[in-house]
């Protein structure tokens, strides 16, 4: 049961992201586990999903797709035998696809996960020209820097009023519930659904 009452497709095999407050199902839709709010879609429906290095690896139409923490595609690779694979297991530096051939025999194939560039760190997003709706907006103590939280992009964007441009982005490792700026500490505190607070 979600706040959307059927506005989004909900399929099967929900999986929780490791060390995260996100859950995904085979429609590719990702929700926040705290309140089941929709976060984004991981490029469409998929057949199977597993995690390598804590990052999603998706089997879709016979190809593997890798994603970074910001859910941007980092790479893709196709299995070579052309068989219909329906299961996926990521172990160590290998991704194993499993399925049945025309005689109902079990077949398996592996791909080196390094082809998906999973270890590539997520790039800091430059929001210049980016169309997004901030989840929260806070003004700095200097009355010049505006902080714009984007849960979708796991980022806090910073806008300078005097310079009329974006400053360096603050990257987040997960989508927070909210954040606050405390002028006395000159810090941003970020809270998560599990009760943890970071700065």
Protein backbone atom coordinates (compact mmCIF):
# COMPACT_ATOMS: atom_id res chain seq x y z
CA UNK A 1 0.00 0.00 0.00
CA UNK A 2 1.49 3.33 -1.08
CA UNK A 3 0.28 6.94 -0.94
CA UNK A 4 -0.48 6.74 -4.69
CA UNK A 5 -3.32 4.16 -4.65
CA UNK A 6 -2.48 2.58 -8.00
CA UNK A 7 -0.95 5.57 -9.81
CA UNK A 8 2.27 3.58 -10.29
CA UNK A 9 2.66 0.01 -11.48
CA UNK A 10 3.62 -2.30 -8.66
CA UNK A 11 4.89 -5.64 -9.89
CA UNK A 12 6.75 -8.30 -7.95
CA UNK A 13 9.99 -9.29 -6.24
CA UNK A 14 10.48 -6.15 -4.16
CA UNK A 15 14.08 -5.79 -3.01
CA UNK A 16 15.60 -3.40 -0.52
CA UNK A 17 18.79 -1.59 -1.44
CA UNK A 18 21.60 -2.56 0.95
CA UNK A 19 22.39 0.10 3.56
CA UNK A 20 19.70 2.36 2.14
CA UNK A 21 16.09 3.41 2.72
CA UNK A 22 14.99 2.52 -0.82
CA UNK A 23 13.05 -0.46 -2.18
CA UNK A 24 12.56 -1.46 -5.83
CA UNK A 25 10.28 -3.90 -7.65
CA UNK A 26 10.44 -5.40 -11.15
CA UNK A 27 8.62 -2.39 -12.64
CA UNK A 28 11.82 -0.47 -11.91
CA UNK A 29 9.97 1.91 -9.60
CA UNK A 30 11.91 2.88 -6.48
CA UNK A 31 10.17 3.93 -3.27
CA UNK A 32 11.35 5.24 0.07
CA UNK A 33 10.90 2.54 2.71
CA UNK A 34 9.93 5.06 5.41
CA UNK A 35 6.77 6.40 3.78
CA UNK A 36 6.61 4.55 0.41
CA UNK A 37 6.99 7.84 -1.47
CA UNK A 38 8.04 7.39 -5.11
CA UNK A 39 11.70 8.30 -5.73
CA UNK A 40 12.41 7.45 -9.39
CA UNK A 41 12.45 4.63 -11.94
CA UNK A 42 15.56 2.63 -12.75
CA UNK A 43 15.27 2.81 -16.53
CA UNK A 44 12.14 0.67 -16.87
CA UNK A 45 11.02 -2.85 -15.98
CA UNK A 46 13.59 -5.60 -15.59
CA UNK A 47 13.74 -9.38 -15.34
CA UNK A 48 16.09 -9.75 -12.37
CA UNK A 49 18.21 -7.60 -10.08
CA UNK A 50 21.09 -8.09 -7.67
CA UNK A 51 23.65 -5.82 -6.05
CA UNK A 52 27.38 -5.63 -6.60
CA UNK A 53 29.43 -3.48 -4.22
CA UNK A 54 26.08 -2.27 -2.87
CA UNK A 55 25.09 -0.95 -6.31
CA UNK A 56 22.23 -2.22 -8.50
CA UNK A 57 22.90 -4.59 -11.39
CA UNK A 58 19.85 -5.21 -13.59
CA UNK A 59 19.09 -7.95 -16.12
CA UNK A 60 16.86 -6.45 -18.81
CA UNK A 61 16.24 -7.90 -22.30
CA UNK A 62 19.29 -10.14 -22.07
CA UNK A 63 21.63 -7.29 -21.11
CA UNK A 64 23.17 -6.29 -17.82
CA UNK A 65 23.02 -2.67 -16.68
CA UNK A 66 25.00 -1.16 -13.81
CA UNK A 67 24.09 1.96 -11.83
CA UNK A 68 25.83 4.24 -9.34
CA UNK A 69 24.57 5.60 -6.02
CA UNK A 70 22.73 8.39 -7.85
CA UNK A 71 21.00 5.72 -9.97
CA UNK A 72 22.71 6.86 -13.15
CA UNK A 73 23.64 4.11 -15.59
CA UNK A 74 27.39 3.43 -15.45
CA UNK A 75 27.61 0.77 -18.15
CA UNK A 76 25.97 -2.19 -19.84
CA UNK A 77 27.02 -5.49 -21.37
CA UNK A 78 25.22 -8.29 -23.22
CA UNK A 79 25.41 -12.01 -22.53
CA UNK A 80 26.88 -13.70 -25.59
CA UNK A 81 24.77 -16.84 -26.03
CA UNK A 82 21.50 -15.07 -26.85
CA UNK A 83 19.51 -17.35 -24.54
CA UNK A 84 16.64 -16.05 -22.45
CA UNK A 85 18.05 -15.64 -18.97
CA UNK A 86 15.65 -15.11 -16.08
CA UNK A 87 17.78 -15.12 -12.91
CA UNK A 88 20.79 -13.08 -11.84
CA UNK A 89 23.38 -13.50 -9.10
CA UNK A 90 26.29 -11.14 -8.54
CA UNK A 91 29.18 -12.68 -6.62
CA UNK A 92 32.61 -11.13 -6.30
CA UNK A 93 33.63 -9.67 -9.64
CA UNK A 94 31.22 -11.81 -11.69
CA UNK A 95 27.55 -11.53 -12.64
CA UNK A 96 25.91 -14.88 -13.40
CA UNK A 97 22.81 -15.18 -15.57
CA UNK A 98 20.68 -18.35 -15.43
CA UNK A 99 17.90 -19.65 -17.66
CA UNK A 100 16.59 -22.63 -19.62
CA UNK A 101 17.43 -23.61 -23.19
CA UNK A 102 14.93 -25.05 -25.72
CA UNK A 103 15.32 -28.51 -24.13
CA UNK A 104 14.63 -27.15 -20.64
CA UNK A 105 18.24 -27.64 -19.62
CA UNK A 106 19.69 -25.17 -17.16
CA UNK A 107 22.14 -22.78 -18.79
CA UNK A 108 24.40 -20.22 -17.17
CA UNK A 109 26.70 -17.50 -18.36
CA UNK A 110 28.90 -14.99 -16.59
CA UNK A 111 30.07 -11.46 -17.25
CA UNK A 112 32.88 -9.61 -15.54
CA UNK A 113 31.24 -6.89 -13.44
CA UNK A 114 34.10 -4.49 -14.23
CA UNK A 115 32.45 -3.96 -17.65
CA UNK A 116 29.64 -2.14 -15.81
CA UNK A 117 32.00 0.37 -14.10
CA UNK A 118 30.25 -0.13 -10.77
CA UNK A 119 33.19 1.15 -8.77
CA UNK A 120 33.17 4.47 -10.61
CA UNK A 121 32.30 7.14 -8.04
CA UNK A 122 29.14 9.10 -8.78
CA UNK A 123 29.95 12.35 -10.48
CA UNK A 124 28.92 15.54 -8.76
CA UNK A 125 25.91 16.85 -10.65
CA UNK A 126 26.06 20.34 -12.11
CA UNK A 127 22.44 21.53 -11.86
CA UNK A 128 22.93 24.29 -14.46
CA UNK A 129 20.16 23.70 -16.98
CA UNK A 130 18.83 20.73 -15.00
CA UNK A 131 15.04 20.61 -14.69
CA UNK A 132 14.19 19.50 -11.14
CA UNK A 133 11.80 20.30 -8.33
CA UNK A 134 13.60 20.88 -5.01
CA UNK A 135 12.23 18.90 -2.09
CA UNK A 136 13.34 21.57 0.37
CA UNK A 137 14.88 25.05 0.15
CA UNK A 138 16.95 26.73 2.89
CA UNK A 139 18.78 30.08 2.99
CA UNK A 140 22.30 30.26 4.45
CA UNK A 141 23.24 32.63 7.28
CA UNK A 142 25.04 34.86 4.77
CA UNK A 143 21.65 35.51 3.15
CA UNK A 144 23.29 34.78 -0.20
CA UNK A 145 23.57 31.00 -0.58
CA UNK A 146 20.39 29.02 -1.20
CA UNK A 147 20.47 25.28 -0.50
CA UNK A 148 18.14 23.14 -2.63
CA UNK A 149 17.64 19.52 -1.64
CA UNK A 150 17.01 17.09 -4.51
CA UNK A 151 16.25 13.63 -3.16
CA UNK A 152 16.06 12.28 -6.69
CA UNK A 153 19.67 13.32 -7.40
CA UNK A 154 21.00 12.60 -3.87
CA UNK A 155 22.32 16.14 -3.85
CA UNK A 156 22.07 19.49 -2.15
CA UNK A 157 22.51 22.11 -4.84
CA UNK A 158 23.82 25.55 -3.85
CA UNK A 159 22.74 28.76 -5.61
CA UNK A 160 24.56 32.07 -5.09
CA UNK A 161 22.15 35.01 -5.22
CA UNK A 162 24.92 37.60 -5.69
CA UNK A 163 26.77 35.62 -8.38
CA UNK A 164 23.58 34.33 -10.04
CA UNK A 165 25.08 30.87 -10.53
CA UNK A 166 25.30 27.44 -8.93
CA UNK A 167 28.19 26.69 -6.58
CA UNK A 168 29.72 23.26 -5.92
CA UNK A 169 27.14 20.55 -5.23
CA UNK A 170 27.02 18.68 -1.91
CA UNK A 171 26.75 14.95 -2.73
CA UNK A 172 24.65 12.65 -0.52
CA UNK A 173 24.95 8.88 -0.31
CA UNK A 174 21.19 8.37 0.16
CA UNK A 175 17.92 10.28 -0.08
CA UNK A 176 17.27 11.99 3.28
CA UNK A 177 13.95 12.80 4.89
CA UNK A 178 14.89 16.46 5.43
CA UNK A 179 17.73 18.81 6.27
CA UNK A 180 18.27 21.99 8.27
CA UNK A 181 20.99 24.63 8.29
CA UNK A 182 22.11 25.84 11.73
CA UNK A 183 23.81 29.26 11.49
CA UNK A 184 25.42 28.89 14.94
CA UNK A 185 27.23 25.71 13.78
CA UNK A 186 27.56 26.76 10.12
CA UNK A 187 26.53 23.21 9.29
CA UNK A 188 23.81 21.36 7.40
CA UNK A 189 22.23 18.49 9.36
CA UNK A 190 20.57 15.76 7.31
CA UNK A 191 18.02 13.34 8.82
CA UNK A 192 16.98 9.92 7.54
CA UNK A 193 13.93 7.72 8.11
CA UNK A 194 15.91 5.29 10.27
CA UNK A 195 16.52 8.11 12.78
CA UNK A 196 20.15 8.75 11.88
CA UNK A 197 21.44 12.32 11.48
CA UNK A 198 24.57 13.34 9.57
CA UNK A 199 26.18 16.71 8.92
